[in-house]
Amino acid sequence: MLIVDSQVHIWAASTPERPWPARHAPHRPLPYTQQDLLNDMQATGVNRTIIVPPSWEGERNDLAIAAVEAHPDKFAIMGRLDMSAADARERITHWREQPGMLGIRFTFHLPPFEPMLVNGELEWLWRAAEAAGVPLMILIHQKHAPLVDGIAERHPALKIIIDHLAVPPGPKGDAAFADIAHLLALAKRPNIAVKASGIPAIATDTYPYRSLHHHLRAVYDAFGAQRVFWGTDLTRLPCTYRQALTLFSEELPWLSDADKEWTMGRGVCEWLGWDVA
């Protein structure tokens, strides 16, 4: 079975030559490099990883591109785009010409991006991505799912993945899923999928996080295995990489072997156009 982690960040140390932007600089004493990730993948049995460049380094993709160039069989990218750049539309047109670049990832739970989503300022972005065949990963609050429903309806050829089941960092346990009905309602749009990523970081109990299994089952029942993509957000986990994997591969009894083929890797690769041959 092909195992593909749909989200991991890598980053460099903060240096004078490559400083973290002050507004995003968290307390991260060590970098997490492509080699660190490769070592963890090998030890855990993960075949491929989609690198999502972290926000605290700004709108840059150079480390991820370097990782793809070094290991094209292991890595692909959902990159970051500076929407304020004068050439943003033109960059989208040629986005997938970059090494390993499968699409674009946006964090619409954060200022200043959340108001852009809420105020309907990004119609140009949806049109450009749809026209160029560039899939999007977006992190939103569940309460904003109806906005995404409208986007998906207006742009049926635009592929959208909702990250972390629309649970940004912060809420935990059942409170994190207070508005899950809004997320589940998106399942009617065939151009929307979800990333079941970062689940251990949402839980209030310990592995295998049974308190959240009924929420995972609700998402599976709504979207089906072909549109639910396993991922870890590895550097945010309160558990081992192996436990984040076996949570889905061993602890969710409703997932059949065929379902696991889709959820654990094939689904996200086919959705994003990453060759599985």
Protein backbone atom coordinates (compact mmCIF):
# COMPACT_ATOMS: atom_id res chain seq x y z
CA MET A 1 0.00 0.00 0.00
CA LEU A 2 1.27 3.45 -0.95
CA ILE A 3 1.56 5.61 2.18
CA VAL A 4 1.51 9.35 1.48
CA ASP A 5 1.53 11.98 4.21
CA SER A 6 -0.55 14.88 2.90
CA GLN A 7 1.11 17.51 5.09
CA VAL A 8 4.49 18.02 6.68
CA HIS A 9 6.37 21.29 7.18
CA ILE A 10 10.12 21.62 6.80
CA TRP A 11 12.01 24.78 7.68
CA ALA A 12 15.47 26.22 8.08
CA ALA A 13 16.99 27.83 11.12
CA SER A 14 16.34 31.53 11.61
CA THR A 15 19.53 33.31 10.58
CA PRO A 16 20.44 36.88 9.63
CA GLU A 17 20.55 35.71 6.01
CA ARG A 18 17.20 33.90 6.32
CA PRO A 19 15.26 35.41 9.22
CA TRP A 20 11.79 34.32 10.13
CA PRO A 21 9.33 37.20 9.67
CA ALA A 22 8.73 38.76 13.09
CA ARG A 23 4.97 38.33 12.87
CA HIS A 24 5.32 34.56 12.42
CA ALA A 25 8.43 33.79 14.46
CA PRO A 26 7.47 31.05 16.94
CA HIS A 27 9.85 29.56 19.46
CA ARG A 28 11.41 26.83 17.34
CA PRO A 29 14.99 26.26 18.51
CA LEU A 30 15.84 23.71 15.81
CA PRO A 31 15.19 23.48 12.08
CA TYR A 32 13.35 20.49 10.64
CA THR A 33 15.05 19.66 7.36
CA GLN A 34 14.40 17.46 4.37
CA GLN A 35 16.91 14.95 5.79
CA ASP A 36 15.11 14.90 9.15
CA LEU A 37 11.88 14.19 7.30
CA LEU A 38 13.43 11.47 5.15
CA ASN A 39 14.79 9.76 8.26
CA ASP A 40 11.38 9.86 9.95
CA MET A 41 9.62 8.60 6.82
CA GLN A 42 12.00 5.67 6.50
CA ALA A 43 11.65 4.74 10.16
CA THR A 44 7.84 4.91 9.99
CA GLY A 45 7.13 3.37 6.60
CA VAL A 46 5.88 6.49 4.81
CA ASN A 47 6.61 6.38 1.07
CA ARG A 48 5.92 9.96 0.06
CA THR A 49 5.21 13.31 1.66
CA ILE A 50 3.58 16.50 0.45
CA ILE A 51 5.64 19.38 1.80
CA VAL A 52 3.66 22.43 2.89
CA PRO A 53 6.01 25.38 3.47
CA PRO A 54 5.29 26.93 6.88
CA SER A 55 3.84 30.41 7.26
CA TRP A 56 6.52 31.61 9.69
CA GLU A 57 9.10 31.67 6.87
CA GLY A 58 6.88 33.87 4.73
CA GLU A 59 5.59 33.20 1.22
CA ARG A 60 8.59 31.19 0.06
CA ASN A 61 8.97 27.72 -1.39
CA ASP A 62 12.72 27.41 -1.96
CA LEU A 63 13.42 24.76 0.69
CA ALA A 64 10.58 22.60 -0.54
CA ILE A 65 11.72 22.92 -4.15
CA ALA A 66 15.26 21.96 -3.13
CA ALA A 67 13.87 18.87 -1.38
CA VAL A 68 11.93 17.85 -4.49
CA GLU A 69 14.95 18.37 -6.71
CA ALA A 70 17.00 16.12 -4.43
CA HIS A 71 14.28 13.47 -3.93
CA PRO A 72 11.57 13.72 -6.63
CA ASP A 73 10.31 10.23 -5.81
CA LYS A 74 9.71 11.15 -2.17
CA PHE A 75 8.45 14.74 -2.10
CA ALA A 76 5.96 17.02 -3.80
CA ILE A 77 4.74 20.47 -2.77
CA MET A 78 1.61 22.46 -2.06
CA GLY A 79 3.32 25.82 -2.19
CA ARG A 80 2.68 29.30 -0.88
CA LEU A 81 1.67 32.24 -3.06
CA ASP A 82 1.97 35.92 -2.21
CA MET A 83 -1.48 37.10 -3.24
CA SER A 84 -0.38 40.73 -3.03
CA ALA A 85 2.35 40.30 -5.63
CA ALA A 86 1.79 42.17 -8.89
CA ASP A 87 2.41 38.97 -10.85
CA ALA A 88 0.25 36.67 -8.68
CA ARG A 89 -2.19 35.85 -11.48
CA GLU A 90 0.62 35.14 -13.92
CA ARG A 91 2.38 32.93 -11.39
CA ILE A 92 -0.74 30.81 -10.98
CA THR A 93 -0.86 30.26 -14.74
CA HIS A 94 2.61 28.71 -14.64
CA TRP A 95 2.45 27.29 -11.10
CA ARG A 96 2.76 23.62 -11.93
CA GLU A 97 5.81 24.22 -14.08
CA GLN A 98 7.86 24.50 -10.89
CA PRO A 99 9.60 21.31 -9.68
CA GLY A 100 7.21 19.09 -7.75
CA MET A 101 4.56 21.79 -7.41
CA LEU A 102 1.09 20.23 -7.26
CA GLY A 103 -0.93 23.24 -6.10
CA ILE A 104 -1.19 26.11 -3.63
CA ARG A 105 -1.94 26.14 0.09
CA PHE A 106 -3.62 29.04 1.92
CA THR A 107 -4.17 29.65 5.64
CA PHE A 108 -7.53 31.42 5.66
CA HIS A 109 -7.87 31.11 9.43
CA LEU A 110 -5.20 33.80 9.92
CA PRO A 111 -5.23 37.56 9.44
CA PRO A 112 -5.05 39.16 6.93
CA PHE A 113 -6.27 36.21 4.88
CA GLU A 114 -9.47 35.39 6.77
CA PRO A 115 -11.09 38.77 5.96
CA MET A 116 -10.24 38.25 2.28
CA LEU A 117 -12.22 35.00 2.33
CA VAL A 118 -15.10 36.38 4.37
CA ASN A 119 -15.41 39.58 2.32
CA GLY A 120 -15.40 37.80 -1.03
CA GLU A 121 -12.23 39.51 -2.26
CA LEU A 122 -10.68 36.49 -3.94
CA GLU A 123 -12.85 35.72 -6.92
CA TRP A 124 -9.84 36.45 -9.12
CA LEU A 125 -7.90 33.71 -7.30
CA TRP A 126 -10.58 31.05 -7.70
CA ARG A 127 -10.96 31.90 -11.40
CA ALA A 128 -7.21 31.83 -12.04
CA ALA A 129 -6.63 28.54 -10.20
CA GLU A 130 -9.59 26.90 -11.93
CA ALA A 131 -8.44 28.06 -15.36
CA ALA A 132 -4.87 26.86 -14.75
CA GLY A 133 -5.91 23.52 -13.23
CA VAL A 134 -4.17 24.32 -9.95
CA PRO A 135 -5.66 22.54 -6.90
CA LEU A 136 -5.87 24.37 -3.59
CA MET A 137 -5.44 23.31 0.03
CA ILE A 138 -7.10 25.73 2.43
CA LEU A 139 -7.22 25.90 6.21
CA ILE A 140 -10.45 27.51 7.41
CA HIS A 141 -12.72 27.54 10.43
CA GLN A 142 -15.67 25.14 10.11
CA LYS A 143 -18.03 28.10 10.41
CA HIS A 144 -16.67 29.41 7.09
CA ALA A 145 -17.42 26.20 5.20
CA PRO A 146 -20.58 27.73 3.62
CA LEU A 147 -18.34 30.30 1.94
CA VAL A 148 -16.29 27.49 0.41
CA ASP A 149 -19.50 25.80 -0.69
CA GLY A 150 -20.33 28.86 -2.77
CA ILE A 151 -16.83 28.96 -4.26
CA ALA A 152 -17.00 25.28 -5.22
CA GLU A 153 -20.44 25.76 -6.78
CA ARG A 154 -19.30 28.74 -8.88
CA HIS A 155 -16.06 27.00 -9.90
CA PRO A 156 -16.85 23.30 -10.38
CA ALA A 157 -13.50 22.53 -12.04
CA LEU A 158 -11.54 23.95 -9.10
CA LYS A 159 -10.28 21.20 -6.80
CA ILE A 160 -10.28 22.23 -3.12
CA ILE A 161 -8.94 20.30 -0.13
CA ILE A 162 -10.07 21.43 3.34
CA ASP A 163 -7.12 21.06 5.71
CA HIS A 164 -7.23 19.54 9.21
CA LEU A 165 -11.01 18.92 8.92
CA ALA A 166 -11.35 22.72 9.18
CA VAL A 167 -9.93 22.75 12.71
CA PRO A 168 -7.14 25.35 12.99
CA PRO A 169 -4.70 25.11 15.93
CA GLY A 170 -6.40 25.94 19.22
CA PRO A 171 -9.73 24.13 19.82
CA LYS A 172 -9.57 20.56 21.09
CA GLY A 173 -11.90 17.63 21.63
CA ASP A 174 -15.58 17.96 20.82
CA ALA A 175 -15.27 21.74 20.98
CA ALA A 176 -13.10 21.60 17.86
CA PHE A 177 -16.00 20.03 15.97
CA ALA A 178 -18.80 22.27 17.20
CA ASP A 179 -19.58 23.34 13.62
CA ILE A 180 -18.81 20.05 11.90
CA ALA A 181 -22.21 20.05 10.20
CA HIS A 182 -20.97 22.88 7.99
CA LEU A 183 -17.97 20.81 6.95
CA LEU A 184 -20.04 17.70 6.27
CA ALA A 185 -22.38 19.72 4.06
CA LEU A 186 -19.48 20.31 1.65
CA ALA A 187 -19.46 16.62 0.73
CA LYS A 188 -22.16 17.29 -1.85
CA ARG A 189 -19.57 19.14 -3.94
CA PRO A 190 -17.54 16.59 -5.91
CA ASN A 191 -14.67 19.08 -6.25
CA ILE A 192 -14.11 19.26 -2.46
CA ALA A 193 -12.05 16.78 -0.42
CA VAL A 194 -10.76 16.89 3.15
CA LYS A 195 -7.43 16.27 4.87
CA ALA A 196 -7.81 14.25 8.05
CA SER A 197 -4.53 15.68 9.25
CA GLY A 198 -3.24 16.74 12.63
CA ILE A 199 -5.86 14.66 14.45
CA PRO A 200 -3.68 13.77 17.49
CA ALA A 201 -3.10 17.47 18.12
CA ILE A 202 -6.87 18.01 18.38
CA ALA A 203 -7.54 15.21 20.88
CA THR A 204 -7.91 15.58 24.63
CA ASP A 205 -7.24 11.88 25.29
CA THR A 206 -4.27 9.68 24.43
CA TYR A 207 -3.60 7.28 21.57
CA PRO A 208 -5.67 5.90 19.85
CA TYR A 209 -7.76 9.05 20.49
CA ARG A 210 -11.09 7.23 20.67
CA SER A 211 -12.87 10.41 21.74
CA LEU A 212 -12.56 11.65 18.15
CA HIS A 213 -13.37 8.45 16.28
CA HIS A 214 -17.04 9.34 15.88
CA HIS A 215 -16.07 12.64 14.22
CA LEU A 216 -13.74 10.81 11.85
CA ARG A 217 -16.52 8.34 11.07
CA ALA A 218 -18.93 11.19 10.29
CA VAL A 219 -16.42 12.67 7.84
CA TYR A 220 -15.83 9.27 6.25
CA ASP A 221 -19.57 8.65 5.90
CA ALA A 222 -20.04 12.03 4.23
CA PHE A 223 -17.05 12.19 1.89
CA GLY A 224 -16.07 8.54 1.40
CA ALA A 225 -12.58 7.10 1.50
CA GLN A 226 -11.61 8.53 -1.90
CA ARG A 227 -12.00 12.11 -0.64
CA VAL A 228 -10.55 11.78 2.88
CA PHE A 229 -6.77 12.09 2.89
CA TRP A 230 -4.55 10.96 5.77
CA GLY A 231 -1.89 13.40 6.93
CA THR A 232 -0.01 14.25 10.09
CA ASP A 233 1.28 17.83 10.30
CA LEU A 234 4.15 15.91 11.85
CA THR A 235 5.95 18.71 13.68
CA ARG A 236 2.79 19.52 15.67
CA LEU A 237 2.12 15.97 16.87
CA PRO A 238 1.89 14.98 20.56
CA CYS A 239 2.59 11.35 19.56
CA THR A 240 5.03 9.36 17.45
CA TYR A 241 4.92 9.39 13.67
CA ARG A 242 4.14 5.68 13.78
CA GLN A 243 1.11 6.25 16.03
CA ALA A 244 -0.21 8.95 13.71
CA LEU A 245 -0.05 6.38 10.91
CA THR A 246 -1.53 3.43 12.78
CA LEU A 247 -4.38 5.59 14.05
CA PHE A 248 -5.78 5.24 10.53
CA SER A 249 -4.21 2.01 9.35
CA GLU A 250 -5.10 -0.06 12.45
CA GLU A 251 -7.50 1.72 14.81
CA LEU A 252 -10.50 2.69 12.64
CA PRO A 253 -12.39 -0.58 12.07
CA TRP A 254 -14.80 0.83 9.49
CA LEU A 255 -11.94 1.44 7.04
CA SER A 256 -11.69 -1.59 4.77
CA ASP A 257 -8.43 -2.54 3.10
CA ALA A 258 -9.72 -0.93 -0.10
CA ASP A 259 -10.63 2.23 1.82
CA LYS A 260 -7.14 2.41 3.30
CA GLU A 261 -5.58 2.25 -0.16
CA TRP A 262 -7.41 5.49 -0.97
CA THR A 263 -7.22 7.30 2.36
CA MET A 264 -3.58 6.48 3.11
CA GLY A 265 -2.15 7.63 -0.20
CA ARG A 266 -3.77 6.86 -3.52
CA GLY A 267 -6.59 9.36 -3.04
CA VAL A 268 -4.47 12.46 -2.50
CA CYS A 269 -2.09 11.50 -5.31
CA GLU A 270 -4.90 11.08 -7.81
CA TRP A 271 -6.65 14.25 -6.62
CA LEU A 272 -3.51 16.34 -7.05
CA GLY A 273 -2.13 14.61 -10.12
CA TRP A 274 0.94 13.03 -8.51
CA ASP A 275 1.67 9.96 -10.62
CA VAL A 276 1.15 6.71 -8.73
CA ALA A 277 2.43 4.42 -11.48
